[in-house]
Amino acid sequence: MRELHEIVLASISPRRRELLASLGLHVIVVPSEIDEGDRPGYASLDLAKLHAGTKADVVAAREPRHVTLGADTVVELAGVSLGKPRDCAEAGQMLAALAGRDHLVHTAFSLVDGPSGRRIADSVTSRVWFHPLSRAEIEAYVASGDPLDKAGAYGIQGAGAALVERIDGDFYGVMGLPLGRVVRGLRTLDYDLPKGQAAR
């Protein structure tokens, strides 16, 4: 088992970067710049898996000496995939649709070990219930700018926490990266966290 001190993140998500850094890892951000638009015919979970794997593969080809992580989150409401809203109007529409209902949050990730060429992929699905939301609450949250870079137009951390009544599943998965599963994936690739971090 080798200690892993740095990892390449194929994403500009500040939440994923912060979560990986909390493990004691130095995070190298290399955006994949792939098209994350809707793909007709893909179920929500399959879409998250596709995007996560594509991000990891594209960036790993540029960073062959590192371990690369790609991840993607898709919100599913009544069988419909909700990605990141295009603008404030769409963010408001998404939040109004989610209000007072439950939905699924699928987060997939893919790890590529450049030196060995080995790959690990995993995913987690959580169910989230929203409080009923007034128009004023939705407008205030949209005005904060927080929804615009998040699948389903909300984040469970920060101001978005006030929208959520409860969850059944992995909090970190809803946040964008299931840390426990990522650590287990790294161990499958024969990597351990820096000493002093593995027990956290």
N, C-alpha and C. Protein backbone atom coordinates (compact mmCIF):
# COMPACT_ATOMS: atom_id res chain seq x y z
N MET A 1 0.85 -1.19 0.00
CA MET A 1 0.00 0.00 0.00
C MET A 1 0.89 1.24 0.00
N ARG A 2 0.68 2.12 -0.99
CA ARG A 2 1.47 3.35 -1.11
C ARG A 2 0.66 4.54 -0.62
N GLU A 3 1.34 5.47 0.02
CA GLU A 3 0.66 6.70 0.42
C GLU A 3 0.43 7.57 -0.81
N LEU A 4 -0.78 8.11 -0.91
CA LEU A 4 -1.11 9.03 -1.99
C LEU A 4 -1.10 10.44 -1.42
N HIS A 5 -0.31 11.31 -2.02
CA HIS A 5 -0.20 12.68 -1.49
C HIS A 5 -0.88 13.71 -2.38
N GLU A 6 -1.07 13.39 -3.66
CA GLU A 6 -1.75 14.33 -4.55
C GLU A 6 -2.63 13.58 -5.53
N ILE A 7 -3.67 14.24 -5.95
CA ILE A 7 -4.63 13.64 -6.87
C ILE A 7 -5.09 14.70 -7.86
N VAL A 8 -5.33 14.28 -9.09
CA VAL A 8 -5.84 15.19 -10.12
C VAL A 8 -7.36 15.12 -10.11
N LEU A 9 -8.01 16.26 -10.01
CA LEU A 9 -9.47 16.34 -10.03
C LEU A 9 -9.91 16.88 -11.39
N ALA A 10 -10.66 16.05 -12.13
CA ALA A 10 -11.11 16.42 -13.47
C ALA A 10 -12.40 17.22 -13.37
N SER A 11 -12.36 18.30 -12.62
CA SER A 11 -13.56 19.10 -12.36
C SER A 11 -13.15 20.43 -11.75
N ILE A 12 -13.94 21.46 -12.00
CA ILE A 12 -13.68 22.76 -11.37
C ILE A 12 -14.54 22.94 -10.12
N SER A 13 -15.24 21.88 -9.70
CA SER A 13 -16.14 21.99 -8.55
C SER A 13 -15.36 22.31 -7.27
N PRO A 14 -15.62 23.47 -6.67
CA PRO A 14 -14.92 23.78 -5.41
C PRO A 14 -15.30 22.84 -4.29
N ARG A 15 -16.50 22.29 -4.33
CA ARG A 15 -16.92 21.36 -3.27
C ARG A 15 -16.12 20.07 -3.33
N ARG A 16 -15.95 19.54 -4.54
CA ARG A 16 -15.16 18.30 -4.65
C ARG A 16 -13.70 18.55 -4.27
N ARG A 17 -13.18 19.70 -4.67
CA ARG A 17 -11.80 20.01 -4.30
C ARG A 17 -11.65 20.08 -2.79
N GLU A 18 -12.58 20.74 -2.13
CA GLU A 18 -12.52 20.87 -0.66
C GLU A 18 -12.66 19.51 0.02
N LEU A 19 -13.53 18.65 -0.50
CA LEU A 19 -13.72 17.33 0.10
C LEU A 19 -12.46 16.49 -0.02
N LEU A 20 -11.83 16.51 -1.19
CA LEU A 20 -10.58 15.76 -1.36
C LEU A 20 -9.47 16.33 -0.49
N ALA A 21 -9.41 17.66 -0.39
CA ALA A 21 -8.39 18.28 0.46
C ALA A 21 -8.58 17.91 1.92
N SER A 22 -9.85 17.66 2.32
CA SER A 22 -10.11 17.28 3.72
C SER A 22 -9.51 15.92 4.06
N LEU A 23 -9.15 15.14 3.04
CA LEU A 23 -8.50 13.85 3.26
C LEU A 23 -6.98 13.99 3.40
N GLY A 24 -6.50 15.22 3.29
CA GLY A 24 -5.06 15.45 3.40
C GLY A 24 -4.34 15.39 2.07
N LEU A 25 -5.12 15.39 0.97
CA LEU A 25 -4.53 15.30 -0.37
C LEU A 25 -4.30 16.69 -0.97
N HIS A 26 -3.20 16.81 -1.71
CA HIS A 26 -2.99 18.01 -2.52
C HIS A 26 -3.76 17.80 -3.82
N VAL A 27 -4.67 18.70 -4.13
CA VAL A 27 -5.58 18.54 -5.27
C VAL A 27 -5.11 19.41 -6.43
N ILE A 28 -4.88 18.75 -7.57
CA ILE A 28 -4.50 19.44 -8.80
C ILE A 28 -5.75 19.50 -9.67
N VAL A 29 -6.27 20.68 -9.91
CA VAL A 29 -7.52 20.84 -10.67
C VAL A 29 -7.20 20.95 -12.16
N VAL A 30 -7.73 20.01 -12.93
CA VAL A 30 -7.57 20.02 -14.40
C VAL A 30 -8.95 19.81 -15.02
N PRO A 31 -9.62 20.87 -15.43
CA PRO A 31 -10.98 20.73 -15.99
C PRO A 31 -10.98 19.84 -17.23
N SER A 32 -12.00 19.00 -17.33
CA SER A 32 -12.10 18.11 -18.49
C SER A 32 -12.67 18.82 -19.71
N GLU A 33 -13.53 19.81 -19.47
CA GLU A 33 -14.17 20.59 -20.52
C GLU A 33 -15.02 19.73 -21.46
N ILE A 34 -15.56 18.62 -20.94
CA ILE A 34 -16.43 17.80 -21.77
C ILE A 34 -17.82 18.41 -21.81
N ASP A 35 -18.59 18.01 -22.80
CA ASP A 35 -19.99 18.46 -22.93
C ASP A 35 -20.84 17.64 -21.95
N GLU A 36 -21.42 18.33 -20.96
CA GLU A 36 -22.25 17.64 -19.97
C GLU A 36 -23.73 17.82 -20.26
N GLY A 37 -24.06 18.08 -21.50
CA GLY A 37 -25.46 18.28 -21.86
C GLY A 37 -26.26 16.99 -21.78
N ASP A 38 -27.57 17.12 -21.90
CA ASP A 38 -28.45 15.95 -21.86
C ASP A 38 -28.14 14.99 -23.00
N ARG A 39 -28.27 13.71 -22.73
CA ARG A 39 -28.10 12.68 -23.76
C ARG A 39 -29.37 11.84 -23.77
N PRO A 40 -30.23 12.04 -24.73
CA PRO A 40 -31.49 11.29 -24.80
C PRO A 40 -31.24 9.78 -24.76
N GLY A 41 -32.07 9.09 -24.01
CA GLY A 41 -31.96 7.64 -23.93
C GLY A 41 -31.17 7.14 -22.74
N TYR A 42 -30.46 8.04 -22.05
CA TYR A 42 -29.69 7.65 -20.88
C TYR A 42 -30.52 7.85 -19.62
N ALA A 43 -30.58 6.81 -18.79
CA ALA A 43 -31.18 6.97 -17.46
C ALA A 43 -30.27 7.88 -16.64
N SER A 44 -30.83 8.50 -15.60
CA SER A 44 -30.10 9.49 -14.82
C SER A 44 -28.80 8.93 -14.25
N LEU A 45 -28.85 7.75 -13.63
CA LEU A 45 -27.65 7.15 -13.05
C LEU A 45 -26.63 6.84 -14.13
N ASP A 46 -27.08 6.32 -15.26
CA ASP A 46 -26.16 6.00 -16.35
C ASP A 46 -25.51 7.26 -16.90
N LEU A 47 -26.25 8.36 -16.91
CA LEU A 47 -25.70 9.63 -17.38
C LEU A 47 -24.58 10.10 -16.44
N ALA A 48 -24.80 9.99 -15.13
CA ALA A 48 -23.77 10.37 -14.17
C ALA A 48 -22.52 9.51 -14.34
N LYS A 49 -22.72 8.21 -14.55
CA LYS A 49 -21.59 7.30 -14.76
C LYS A 49 -20.82 7.64 -16.03
N LEU A 50 -21.56 7.94 -17.10
CA LEU A 50 -20.93 8.29 -18.37
C LEU A 50 -20.07 9.54 -18.23
N HIS A 51 -20.64 10.57 -17.63
CA HIS A 51 -19.90 11.83 -17.48
C HIS A 51 -18.67 11.65 -16.59
N ALA A 52 -18.84 10.93 -15.47
CA ALA A 52 -17.72 10.72 -14.56
C ALA A 52 -16.58 9.98 -15.24
N GLY A 53 -16.92 8.92 -15.96
CA GLY A 53 -15.89 8.15 -16.64
C GLY A 53 -15.21 8.91 -17.76
N THR A 54 -15.99 9.68 -18.51
CA THR A 54 -15.42 10.46 -19.61
C THR A 54 -14.48 11.54 -19.08
N LYS A 55 -14.90 12.23 -18.01
CA LYS A 55 -14.03 13.25 -17.41
C LYS A 55 -12.70 12.64 -16.98
N ALA A 56 -12.78 11.51 -16.27
CA ALA A 56 -11.56 10.87 -15.77
C ALA A 56 -10.65 10.44 -16.91
N ASP A 57 -11.23 9.84 -17.95
CA ASP A 57 -10.43 9.35 -19.07
C ASP A 57 -9.74 10.48 -19.82
N VAL A 58 -10.49 11.55 -20.08
CA VAL A 58 -9.94 12.68 -20.84
C VAL A 58 -8.76 13.31 -20.10
N VAL A 59 -8.93 13.52 -18.80
CA VAL A 59 -7.87 14.19 -18.03
C VAL A 59 -6.72 13.23 -17.73
N ALA A 60 -7.02 11.96 -17.46
CA ALA A 60 -5.96 10.99 -17.18
C ALA A 60 -5.00 10.85 -18.36
N ALA A 61 -5.52 11.02 -19.58
CA ALA A 61 -4.65 10.96 -20.76
C ALA A 61 -3.63 12.09 -20.77
N ARG A 62 -3.98 13.21 -20.13
CA ARG A 62 -3.07 14.35 -20.05
C ARG A 62 -2.15 14.28 -18.83
N GLU A 63 -2.56 13.49 -17.83
CA GLU A 63 -1.83 13.42 -16.56
C GLU A 63 -1.47 11.96 -16.24
N PRO A 64 -0.67 11.31 -17.08
CA PRO A 64 -0.43 9.87 -16.92
C PRO A 64 0.38 9.47 -15.69
N ARG A 65 0.99 10.44 -15.02
CA ARG A 65 1.80 10.10 -13.84
C ARG A 65 1.00 10.20 -12.54
N HIS A 66 -0.25 10.58 -12.64
CA HIS A 66 -1.06 10.81 -11.44
C HIS A 66 -2.26 9.88 -11.36
N VAL A 67 -2.90 9.89 -10.20
CA VAL A 67 -4.23 9.32 -10.05
C VAL A 67 -5.22 10.43 -10.37
N THR A 68 -6.18 10.14 -11.23
CA THR A 68 -7.17 11.13 -11.66
C THR A 68 -8.56 10.70 -11.19
N LEU A 69 -9.32 11.67 -10.71
CA LEU A 69 -10.69 11.44 -10.28
C LEU A 69 -11.65 12.27 -11.12
N GLY A 70 -12.62 11.59 -11.71
CA GLY A 70 -13.72 12.27 -12.38
C GLY A 70 -15.01 11.96 -11.64
N ALA A 71 -15.91 12.92 -11.53
CA ALA A 71 -17.16 12.69 -10.81
C ALA A 71 -18.28 13.50 -11.47
N ASP A 72 -19.50 13.03 -11.26
CA ASP A 72 -20.65 13.75 -11.80
C ASP A 72 -21.87 13.46 -10.95
N THR A 73 -22.72 14.46 -10.81
CA THR A 73 -23.96 14.33 -10.04
C THR A 73 -25.14 14.69 -10.93
N VAL A 74 -26.16 13.84 -10.89
CA VAL A 74 -27.40 14.10 -11.62
C VAL A 74 -28.57 13.93 -10.65
N VAL A 75 -29.44 14.91 -10.63
CA VAL A 75 -30.66 14.84 -9.82
C VAL A 75 -31.77 14.26 -10.69
N GLU A 76 -32.53 13.33 -10.12
CA GLU A 76 -33.62 12.70 -10.86
C GLU A 76 -34.95 12.97 -10.15
N LEU A 77 -35.86 13.59 -10.86
CA LEU A 77 -37.19 13.88 -10.33
C LEU A 77 -38.23 13.20 -11.20
N ALA A 78 -38.89 12.22 -10.64
CA ALA A 78 -39.94 11.48 -11.36
C ALA A 78 -39.45 10.97 -12.71
N GLY A 79 -38.23 10.45 -12.73
CA GLY A 79 -37.68 9.87 -13.95
C GLY A 79 -37.02 10.84 -14.89
N VAL A 80 -37.03 12.12 -14.55
CA VAL A 80 -36.44 13.16 -15.41
C VAL A 80 -35.11 13.62 -14.81
N SER A 81 -34.07 13.68 -15.64
CA SER A 81 -32.75 14.11 -15.18
C SER A 81 -32.66 15.63 -15.11
N LEU A 82 -32.14 16.11 -13.99
CA LEU A 82 -31.91 17.55 -13.81
C LEU A 82 -30.41 17.77 -13.64
N GLY A 83 -29.82 18.45 -14.60
CA GLY A 83 -28.41 18.80 -14.48
C GLY A 83 -28.27 20.19 -13.90
N LYS A 84 -27.24 20.91 -14.32
CA LYS A 84 -27.06 22.28 -13.87
C LYS A 84 -27.99 23.20 -14.66
N PRO A 85 -28.64 24.13 -13.99
CA PRO A 85 -29.53 25.05 -14.72
C PRO A 85 -28.75 25.97 -15.66
N ARG A 86 -29.36 26.29 -16.79
CA ARG A 86 -28.70 27.17 -17.76
C ARG A 86 -28.70 28.63 -17.30
N ASP A 87 -29.73 29.01 -16.53
CA ASP A 87 -29.83 30.40 -16.09
C ASP A 87 -30.71 30.45 -14.85
N CYS A 88 -30.93 31.66 -14.35
CA CYS A 88 -31.71 31.84 -13.12
C CYS A 88 -33.16 31.39 -13.30
N ALA A 89 -33.71 31.63 -14.48
CA ALA A 89 -35.11 31.22 -14.72
C ALA A 89 -35.25 29.71 -14.62
N GLU A 90 -34.31 28.97 -15.22
CA GLU A 90 -34.39 27.51 -15.16
C GLU A 90 -34.12 27.02 -13.74
N ALA A 91 -33.24 27.70 -13.02
CA ALA A 91 -32.98 27.32 -11.62
C ALA A 91 -34.26 27.45 -10.80
N GLY A 92 -34.99 28.54 -11.01
CA GLY A 92 -36.24 28.73 -10.29
C GLY A 92 -37.26 27.66 -10.63
N GLN A 93 -37.32 27.26 -11.89
CA GLN A 93 -38.25 26.22 -12.32
C GLN A 93 -37.92 24.88 -11.67
N MET A 94 -36.62 24.57 -11.62
CA MET A 94 -36.19 23.31 -10.99
C MET A 94 -36.56 23.29 -9.51
N LEU A 95 -36.28 24.37 -8.81
CA LEU A 95 -36.56 24.43 -7.38
C LEU A 95 -38.06 24.35 -7.10
N ALA A 96 -38.84 24.99 -7.94
CA ALA A 96 -40.30 24.93 -7.77
C ALA A 96 -40.80 23.50 -7.97
N ALA A 97 -40.19 22.79 -8.92
CA ALA A 97 -40.59 21.40 -9.17
C ALA A 97 -40.19 20.48 -8.02
N LEU A 98 -39.06 20.77 -7.38
CA LEU A 98 -38.55 19.94 -6.29
C LEU A 98 -39.27 20.22 -4.97
N ALA A 99 -39.82 21.41 -4.82
CA ALA A 99 -40.40 21.85 -3.55
C ALA A 99 -41.48 20.90 -3.06
N GLY A 100 -41.37 20.49 -1.78
CA GLY A 100 -42.37 19.66 -1.15
C GLY A 100 -42.38 18.21 -1.62
N ARG A 101 -41.35 17.80 -2.38
CA ARG A 101 -41.33 16.45 -2.95
C ARG A 101 -40.00 15.77 -2.63
N ASP A 102 -39.93 14.49 -2.95
CA ASP A 102 -38.67 13.77 -2.82
C ASP A 102 -38.09 13.51 -4.21
N HIS A 103 -36.78 13.36 -4.26
CA HIS A 103 -36.09 13.10 -5.53
C HIS A 103 -34.85 12.27 -5.24
N LEU A 104 -34.22 11.79 -6.29
CA LEU A 104 -33.00 11.01 -6.17
C LEU A 104 -31.80 11.84 -6.59
N VAL A 105 -30.68 11.63 -5.90
CA VAL A 105 -29.42 12.26 -6.29
C VAL A 105 -28.42 11.15 -6.57
N HIS A 106 -27.99 11.07 -7.83
CA HIS A 106 -27.02 10.07 -8.25
C HIS A 106 -25.65 10.74 -8.39
N THR A 107 -24.66 10.23 -7.70
CA THR A 107 -23.29 10.71 -7.88
C THR A 107 -22.40 9.53 -8.24
N ALA A 108 -21.73 9.64 -9.37
CA ALA A 108 -20.81 8.61 -9.84
C ALA A 108 -19.40 9.17 -9.86
N PHE A 109 -18.43 8.30 -9.66
CA PHE A 109 -17.04 8.73 -9.79
C PHE A 109 -16.22 7.64 -10.45
N SER A 110 -15.12 8.06 -11.04
CA SER A 110 -14.20 7.14 -11.69
C SER A 110 -12.78 7.53 -11.31
N LEU A 111 -12.00 6.56 -10.87
CA LEU A 111 -10.59 6.76 -10.53
C LEU A 111 -9.73 6.07 -11.57
N VAL A 112 -8.75 6.77 -12.10
CA VAL A 112 -7.81 6.20 -13.06
C VAL A 112 -6.40 6.35 -12.49
N ASP A 113 -5.73 5.22 -12.29
CA ASP A 113 -4.35 5.24 -11.81
C ASP A 113 -3.43 5.27 -13.02
N GLY A 114 -2.90 6.45 -13.32
CA GLY A 114 -2.06 6.61 -14.50
C GLY A 114 -0.90 5.64 -14.58
N PRO A 115 -0.09 5.50 -13.50
CA PRO A 115 1.08 4.62 -13.58
C PRO A 115 0.75 3.16 -13.90
N SER A 116 -0.35 2.64 -13.37
CA SER A 116 -0.67 1.22 -13.60
C SER A 116 -1.73 1.01 -14.68
N GLY A 117 -2.49 2.06 -14.99
CA GLY A 117 -3.58 1.94 -15.95
C GLY A 117 -4.84 1.34 -15.37
N ARG A 118 -4.85 1.05 -14.07
CA ARG A 118 -6.02 0.45 -13.44
C ARG A 118 -7.11 1.50 -13.22
N ARG A 119 -8.36 1.03 -13.21
CA ARG A 119 -9.50 1.93 -13.07
C ARG A 119 -10.50 1.37 -12.07
N ILE A 120 -11.13 2.27 -11.35
CA ILE A 120 -12.19 1.92 -10.40
C ILE A 120 -13.35 2.88 -10.65
N ALA A 121 -14.56 2.35 -10.74
CA ALA A 121 -15.74 3.20 -10.89
C ALA A 121 -16.79 2.76 -9.87
N ASP A 122 -17.49 3.72 -9.33
CA ASP A 122 -18.53 3.43 -8.34
C ASP A 122 -19.55 4.56 -8.36
N SER A 123 -20.67 4.33 -7.71
CA SER A 123 -21.71 5.36 -7.66
C SER A 123 -22.54 5.16 -6.41
N VAL A 124 -23.27 6.20 -6.04
CA VAL A 124 -24.16 6.14 -4.89
C VAL A 124 -25.42 6.92 -5.22
N THR A 125 -26.55 6.40 -4.76
CA THR A 125 -27.84 7.08 -4.97
C THR A 125 -28.47 7.36 -3.61
N SER A 126 -28.89 8.60 -3.41
CA SER A 126 -29.54 9.01 -2.17
C SER A 126 -30.91 9.60 -2.49
N ARG A 127 -31.81 9.51 -1.53
CA ARG A 127 -33.13 10.13 -1.69
C ARG A 127 -33.19 11.37 -0.80
N VAL A 128 -33.67 12.46 -1.37
CA VAL A 128 -33.72 13.74 -0.67
C VAL A 128 -35.15 14.27 -0.68
N TRP A 129 -35.60 14.75 0.47
CA TRP A 129 -36.92 15.38 0.58
C TRP A 129 -36.75 16.88 0.78
N PHE A 130 -37.49 17.66 0.02
CA PHE A 130 -37.49 19.12 0.16
C PHE A 130 -38.66 19.58 1.01
N HIS A 131 -38.45 20.64 1.76
CA HIS A 131 -39.56 21.33 2.40
C HIS A 131 -40.43 21.98 1.32
N PRO A 132 -41.70 22.23 1.60
CA PRO A 132 -42.47 23.11 0.72
C PRO A 132 -41.78 24.48 0.69
N LEU A 133 -41.70 25.09 -0.47
CA LEU A 133 -40.99 26.37 -0.61
C LEU A 133 -41.91 27.43 -1.18
N SER A 134 -41.86 28.62 -0.59
CA SER A 134 -42.62 29.74 -1.13
C SER A 134 -41.87 30.34 -2.31
N ARG A 135 -42.58 31.12 -3.11
CA ARG A 135 -41.94 31.78 -4.24
C ARG A 135 -40.82 32.71 -3.75
N ALA A 136 -41.06 33.36 -2.63
CA ALA A 136 -40.05 34.27 -2.08
C ALA A 136 -38.78 33.51 -1.68
N GLU A 137 -38.95 32.34 -1.08
CA GLU A 137 -37.78 31.54 -0.70
C GLU A 137 -36.98 31.11 -1.92
N ILE A 138 -37.70 30.69 -2.96
CA ILE A 138 -37.03 30.27 -4.19
C ILE A 138 -36.30 31.44 -4.83
N GLU A 139 -36.97 32.58 -4.92
CA GLU A 139 -36.35 33.75 -5.55
C GLU A 139 -35.12 34.22 -4.78
N ALA A 140 -35.18 34.16 -3.45
CA ALA A 140 -34.04 34.59 -2.64
C ALA A 140 -32.85 33.67 -2.85
N TYR A 141 -33.11 32.36 -2.92
CA TYR A 141 -32.02 31.40 -3.11
C TYR A 141 -31.42 31.54 -4.51
N VAL A 142 -32.27 31.71 -5.51
CA VAL A 142 -31.76 31.90 -6.87
C VAL A 142 -30.93 33.18 -6.96
N ALA A 143 -31.39 34.24 -6.29
CA ALA A 143 -30.68 35.52 -6.33
C ALA A 143 -29.29 35.43 -5.69
N SER A 144 -29.10 34.46 -4.82
CA SER A 144 -27.78 34.29 -4.18
C SER A 144 -26.73 33.80 -5.17
N GLY A 145 -27.17 33.25 -6.30
CA GLY A 145 -26.25 32.71 -7.30
C GLY A 145 -25.80 31.29 -7.01
N ASP A 146 -26.15 30.78 -5.85
CA ASP A 146 -25.69 29.46 -5.43
C ASP A 146 -26.17 28.32 -6.34
N PRO A 147 -27.40 28.38 -6.89
CA PRO A 147 -27.89 27.23 -7.65
C PRO A 147 -27.25 27.02 -9.01
N LEU A 148 -26.59 28.03 -9.57
CA LEU A 148 -26.24 28.00 -10.99
C LEU A 148 -25.19 26.99 -11.38
N ASP A 149 -24.36 26.53 -10.44
CA ASP A 149 -23.33 25.55 -10.81
C ASP A 149 -23.59 24.18 -10.18
N LYS A 150 -24.86 23.92 -9.85
CA LYS A 150 -25.18 22.69 -9.13
C LYS A 150 -26.30 21.91 -9.82
N ALA A 151 -26.14 20.61 -9.87
CA ALA A 151 -27.19 19.75 -10.42
C ALA A 151 -28.46 19.91 -9.61
N GLY A 152 -29.59 20.07 -10.30
CA GLY A 152 -30.85 20.25 -9.61
C GLY A 152 -31.03 21.63 -9.01
N ALA A 153 -30.07 22.53 -9.24
CA ALA A 153 -30.13 23.93 -8.81
C ALA A 153 -30.03 24.12 -7.30
N TYR A 154 -29.39 23.17 -6.60
CA TYR A 154 -29.19 23.41 -5.16
C TYR A 154 -27.99 22.62 -4.66
N GLY A 155 -27.45 23.09 -3.55
CA GLY A 155 -26.41 22.36 -2.83
C GLY A 155 -26.91 22.09 -1.42
N ILE A 156 -26.59 20.91 -0.90
CA ILE A 156 -27.08 20.56 0.43
C ILE A 156 -26.32 21.29 1.52
N GLN A 157 -25.16 21.84 1.17
CA GLN A 157 -24.36 22.59 2.12
C GLN A 157 -24.67 24.09 1.98
N GLY A 158 -24.32 24.87 2.96
CA GLY A 158 -24.54 26.31 2.88
C GLY A 158 -26.01 26.66 2.93
N ALA A 159 -26.38 27.72 2.22
CA ALA A 159 -27.76 28.22 2.27
C ALA A 159 -28.76 27.18 1.78
N GLY A 160 -28.33 26.30 0.88
CA GLY A 160 -29.22 25.28 0.35
C GLY A 160 -29.70 24.29 1.39
N ALA A 161 -28.99 24.19 2.52
CA ALA A 161 -29.40 23.26 3.57
C ALA A 161 -30.81 23.57 4.08
N ALA A 162 -31.22 24.83 4.00
CA ALA A 162 -32.55 25.23 4.49
C ALA A 162 -33.67 24.68 3.61
N LEU A 163 -33.34 24.23 2.40
CA LEU A 163 -34.36 23.69 1.50
C LEU A 163 -34.69 22.24 1.82
N VAL A 164 -33.74 21.55 2.46
CA VAL A 164 -33.81 20.09 2.61
C VAL A 164 -34.46 19.70 3.93
N GLU A 165 -35.50 18.89 3.83
CA GLU A 165 -36.16 18.38 5.03
C GLU A 165 -35.39 17.21 5.63
N ARG A 166 -34.99 16.25 4.78
CA ARG A 166 -34.21 15.11 5.24
C ARG A 166 -33.63 14.37 4.05
N ILE A 167 -32.67 13.48 4.33
CA ILE A 167 -32.11 12.65 3.28
C ILE A 167 -32.03 11.21 3.76
N ASP A 168 -32.06 10.30 2.83
CA ASP A 168 -31.83 8.89 3.10
C ASP A 168 -30.69 8.47 2.18
N GLY A 169 -29.49 8.38 2.73
CA GLY A 169 -28.35 8.01 1.89
C GLY A 169 -27.07 8.66 2.36
N ASP A 170 -26.21 9.00 1.41
CA ASP A 170 -24.87 9.49 1.66
C ASP A 170 -24.84 11.02 1.54
N PHE A 171 -24.64 11.70 2.67
CA PHE A 171 -24.61 13.17 2.65
C PHE A 171 -23.55 13.68 1.67
N TYR A 172 -22.36 13.07 1.73
CA TYR A 172 -21.29 13.53 0.84
C TYR A 172 -21.61 13.24 -0.62
N GLY A 173 -22.34 12.16 -0.86
CA GLY A 173 -22.78 11.88 -2.22
C GLY A 173 -23.71 12.96 -2.74
N VAL A 174 -24.62 13.43 -1.89
CA VAL A 174 -25.51 14.53 -2.28
C VAL A 174 -24.70 15.81 -2.49
N MET A 175 -23.66 15.97 -1.70
CA MET A 175 -22.80 17.16 -1.83
C MET A 175 -21.97 17.11 -3.11
N GLY A 176 -21.74 15.90 -3.64
CA GLY A 176 -21.04 15.80 -4.91
C GLY A 176 -19.92 14.79 -4.98
N LEU A 177 -19.57 14.16 -3.84
CA LEU A 177 -18.49 13.17 -3.87
C LEU A 177 -18.59 12.27 -2.64
N PRO A 178 -18.93 10.99 -2.82
CA PRO A 178 -19.05 10.08 -1.67
C PRO A 178 -17.67 9.69 -1.14
N LEU A 179 -17.20 10.43 -0.16
CA LEU A 179 -15.81 10.30 0.29
C LEU A 179 -15.45 8.89 0.74
N GLY A 180 -16.34 8.24 1.49
CA GLY A 180 -16.03 6.90 1.97
C GLY A 180 -15.76 5.93 0.83
N ARG A 181 -16.57 6.01 -0.20
CA ARG A 181 -16.38 5.12 -1.35
C ARG A 181 -15.13 5.47 -2.13
N VAL A 182 -14.81 6.77 -2.20
CA VAL A 182 -13.58 7.18 -2.89
C VAL A 182 -12.36 6.61 -2.17
N VAL A 183 -12.34 6.70 -0.84
CA VAL A 183 -11.21 6.16 -0.08
C VAL A 183 -11.09 4.66 -0.30
N ARG A 184 -12.22 3.95 -0.30
CA ARG A 184 -12.18 2.50 -0.55
C ARG A 184 -11.69 2.20 -1.96
N GLY A 185 -12.08 3.04 -2.92
CA GLY A 185 -11.59 2.86 -4.28
C GLY A 185 -10.09 3.05 -4.38
N LEU A 186 -9.58 4.06 -3.69
CA LEU A 186 -8.13 4.29 -3.68
C LEU A 186 -7.40 3.10 -3.06
N ARG A 187 -7.97 2.54 -2.02
CA ARG A 187 -7.33 1.38 -1.38
C ARG A 187 -7.34 0.17 -2.31
N THR A 188 -8.41 0.03 -3.10
CA THR A 188 -8.44 -1.05 -4.08
C THR A 188 -7.31 -0.88 -5.10
N LEU A 189 -6.95 0.36 -5.37
CA LEU A 189 -5.84 0.66 -6.28
C LEU A 189 -4.48 0.63 -5.56
N ASP A 190 -4.51 0.19 -4.28
CA ASP A 190 -3.29 0.07 -3.45
C ASP A 190 -2.72 1.40 -3.01
N TYR A 191 -3.61 2.38 -2.82
CA TYR A 191 -3.19 3.67 -2.28
C TYR A 191 -3.85 3.89 -0.92
N ASP A 192 -3.10 4.51 -0.02
CA ASP A 192 -3.66 4.89 1.26
C ASP A 192 -3.52 6.40 1.42
N LEU A 193 -4.30 6.96 2.33
CA LEU A 193 -4.22 8.40 2.59
C LEU A 193 -2.95 8.72 3.33
N PRO A 194 -2.51 9.98 3.28
CA PRO A 194 -1.34 10.37 4.07
C PRO A 194 -1.54 10.04 5.54
N LYS A 195 -0.48 9.66 6.21
CA LYS A 195 -0.58 9.30 7.63
C LYS A 195 -1.21 10.45 8.41
N GLY A 196 -2.09 10.08 9.35
CA GLY A 196 -2.79 11.07 10.13
C GLY A 196 -4.13 11.43 9.54
N GLN A 197 -4.41 10.98 8.28
CA GLN A 197 -5.68 11.31 7.64
C GLN A 197 -6.58 10.09 7.50
N ALA A 198 -6.01 8.90 7.44
CA ALA A 198 -6.78 7.72 7.09
C ALA A 198 -7.94 7.44 8.05
N ALA A 199 -7.80 7.84 9.32
CA ALA A 199 -8.84 7.55 10.29
C ALA A 199 -9.93 8.62 10.33
N ARG A 200 -9.75 9.71 9.61
CA ARG A 200 -10.71 10.81 9.69
C ARG A 200 -11.96 10.50 8.89
